Amino acid sequence: MWDEVLARFEKQAPASVMARLALERAMPAAWVDEVFEANRQRQYPRELLFSTVVELMSLVSLGLRPSLHAAARQMDNLP
């Protein structure tokens, strides 16, 4: 999936792509899920992991997707 995203946005938004890659390296999905599990109070994971929410929101906030709905529709492994 990331190869496709990088290819499209590399020329038009290189700063967004670099920021996304930096965030992906700095905050791996397993670590995000561990932090959620250690600090949750009443929240609990069902089908959608917290790391997936973070990934979707980062795509929108970096401008790689126009909306959360668009990001979710284009994600292949979304439960």
C-alpha atoms as a PDB file:
ATOM      1  CA  MET A   1       0.000   0.000   0.000  1.00  0.00           C
ATOM      2  CA  TRP A   2       2.732   2.502   0.922  1.00  0.00           C
ATOM      3  CA  ASP A   3       4.503   2.124  -2.404  1.00  0.00           C
ATOM      4  CA  GLU A   4       1.375   3.391  -4.156  1.00  0.00           C
ATOM      5  CA  VAL A   5       0.967   6.283  -1.727  1.00  0.00           C
ATOM      6  CA  LEU A   6       4.611   7.261  -1.957  1.00  0.00           C
ATOM      7  CA  ALA A   7       4.620   7.171  -5.744  1.00  0.00           C
ATOM      8  CA  ARG A   8       1.624   9.516  -6.009  1.00  0.00           C
ATOM      9  CA  PHE A   9       2.551  12.009  -3.347  1.00  0.00           C
ATOM     10  CA  GLU A  10       6.328  11.988  -3.585  1.00  0.00           C
ATOM     11  CA  LYS A  11       6.366  14.665  -6.294  1.00  0.00           C
ATOM     12  CA  GLN A  12       3.398  16.725  -5.108  1.00  0.00           C
ATOM     13  CA  ALA A  13       3.861  16.668  -1.324  1.00  0.00           C
ATOM     14  CA  PRO A  14       7.361  15.504  -0.373  1.00  0.00           C
ATOM     15  CA  ALA A  15       7.188  17.043   3.111  1.00  0.00           C
ATOM     16  CA  SER A  16       3.997  15.147   3.921  1.00  0.00           C
ATOM     17  CA  VAL A  17       5.496  11.892   2.705  1.00  0.00           C
ATOM     18  CA  MET A  18       8.660  12.420   4.741  1.00  0.00           C
ATOM     19  CA  ALA A  19       6.613  13.266   7.839  1.00  0.00           C
ATOM     20  CA  ARG A  20       4.494  10.142   7.382  1.00  0.00           C
ATOM     21  CA  LEU A  21       7.548   7.916   7.035  1.00  0.00           C
ATOM     22  CA  ALA A  22       9.148   9.514  10.096  1.00  0.00           C
ATOM     23  CA  LEU A  23       5.992   8.937  12.149  1.00  0.00           C
ATOM     24  CA  GLU A  24       5.764   5.354  10.945  1.00  0.00           C
ATOM     25  CA  ARG A  25       9.332   4.704  12.083  1.00  0.00           C
ATOM     26  CA  ALA A  26       9.001   6.634  15.348  1.00  0.00           C
ATOM     27  CA  MET A  27       5.689   5.071  16.391  1.00  0.00           C
ATOM     28  CA  PRO A  28       5.325   1.474  15.171  1.00  0.00           C
ATOM     29  CA  ALA A  29       1.801   0.006  15.349  1.00  0.00           C
ATOM     30  CA  ALA A  30       2.732  -2.557  18.004  1.00  0.00           C
ATOM     31  CA  TRP A  31       4.076   0.186  20.279  1.00  0.00           C
ATOM     32  CA  VAL A  32       0.941   2.330  19.832  1.00  0.00           C
ATOM     33  CA  ASP A  33      -1.243  -0.651  20.754  1.00  0.00           C
ATOM     34  CA  GLU A  34       0.928  -1.382  23.824  1.00  0.00           C
ATOM     35  CA  VAL A  35       0.617   2.225  25.021  1.00  0.00           C
ATOM     36  CA  PHE A  36      -3.150   2.095  24.524  1.00  0.00           C
ATOM     37  CA  GLU A  37      -3.422  -1.160  26.478  1.00  0.00           C
ATOM     38  CA  ALA A  38      -1.274   0.158  29.329  1.00  0.00           C
ATOM     39  CA  ASN A  39      -3.176   3.445  29.685  1.00  0.00           C
ATOM     40  CA  ARG A  40      -6.760   2.645  28.785  1.00  0.00           C
ATOM     41  CA  GLN A  41      -9.435   2.998  31.407  1.00  0.00           C
ATOM     42  CA  ARG A  42     -12.884   2.163  30.055  1.00  0.00           C
ATOM     43  CA  GLN A  43     -11.927   1.892  26.391  1.00  0.00           C
ATOM     44  CA  TYR A  44     -11.316  -1.488  24.850  1.00  0.00           C
ATOM     45  CA  PRO A  45     -10.394  -2.734  21.398  1.00  0.00           C
ATOM     46  CA  ARG A  46     -13.030  -4.538  19.390  1.00  0.00           C
ATOM     47  CA  GLU A  47     -12.318  -5.033  15.710  1.00  0.00           C
ATOM     48  CA  LEU A  48     -10.448  -1.767  15.110  1.00  0.00           C
ATOM     49  CA  LEU A  49      -7.112  -1.403  16.895  1.00  0.00           C
ATOM     50  CA  PHE A  50      -5.991   1.973  18.173  1.00  0.00           C
ATOM     51  CA  SER A  51      -2.944   1.819  15.913  1.00  0.00           C
ATOM     52  CA  THR A  52      -5.282   1.631  12.912  1.00  0.00           C
ATOM     53  CA  VAL A  53      -7.079   4.776  14.073  1.00  0.00           C
ATOM     54  CA  VAL A  54      -3.709   6.526  14.465  1.00  0.00           C
ATOM     55  CA  GLU A  55      -2.703   5.442  10.959  1.00  0.00           C
ATOM     56  CA  LEU A  56      -5.947   6.700   9.422  1.00  0.00           C
ATOM     57  CA  MET A  57      -5.799  10.025  11.249  1.00  0.00           C
ATOM     58  CA  SER A  58      -2.171  10.569  10.273  1.00  0.00           C
ATOM     59  CA  LEU A  59      -3.034  10.069   6.590  1.00  0.00           C
ATOM     60  CA  VAL A  60      -5.679  12.793   6.888  1.00  0.00           C
ATOM     61  CA  SER A  61      -3.664  15.192   9.048  1.00  0.00           C
ATOM     62  CA  LEU A  62      -0.660  15.015   6.711  1.00  0.00           C
ATOM     63  CA  GLY A  63      -2.886  15.744   3.735  1.00  0.00           C
ATOM     64  CA  LEU A  64      -2.338  12.394   2.057  1.00  0.00           C
ATOM     65  CA  ARG A  65      -6.092  11.713   2.141  1.00  0.00           C
ATOM     66  CA  PRO A  66      -8.867  14.339   1.981  1.00  0.00           C
ATOM     67  CA  SER A  67     -11.007  12.842   4.762  1.00  0.00           C
ATOM     68  CA  LEU A  68     -11.177  10.041   7.293  1.00  0.00           C
ATOM     69  CA  HIS A  69     -13.836   8.346   5.182  1.00  0.00           C
ATOM     70  CA  ALA A  70     -11.586   8.447   2.109  1.00  0.00           C
ATOM     71  CA  ALA A  71      -8.655   7.071   4.098  1.00  0.00           C
ATOM     72  CA  ALA A  72     -10.760   4.222   5.471  1.00  0.00           C
ATOM     73  CA  ARG A  73     -12.163   3.322   2.044  1.00  0.00           C
ATOM     74  CA  GLN A  74      -8.681   3.065   0.545  1.00  0.00           C
ATOM     75  CA  MET A  75      -7.250   0.963   3.370  1.00  0.00           C
ATOM     76  CA  ASP A  76      -7.047  -2.686   2.334  1.00  0.00           C
ATOM     77  CA  ASN A  77      -6.743  -4.318   5.759  1.00  0.00           C
ATOM     78  CA  LEU A  78      -9.456  -2.393   7.604  1.00  0.00           C
ATOM     79  CA  PRO A  79     -11.729  -4.757   9.602  1.00  0.00           C
END
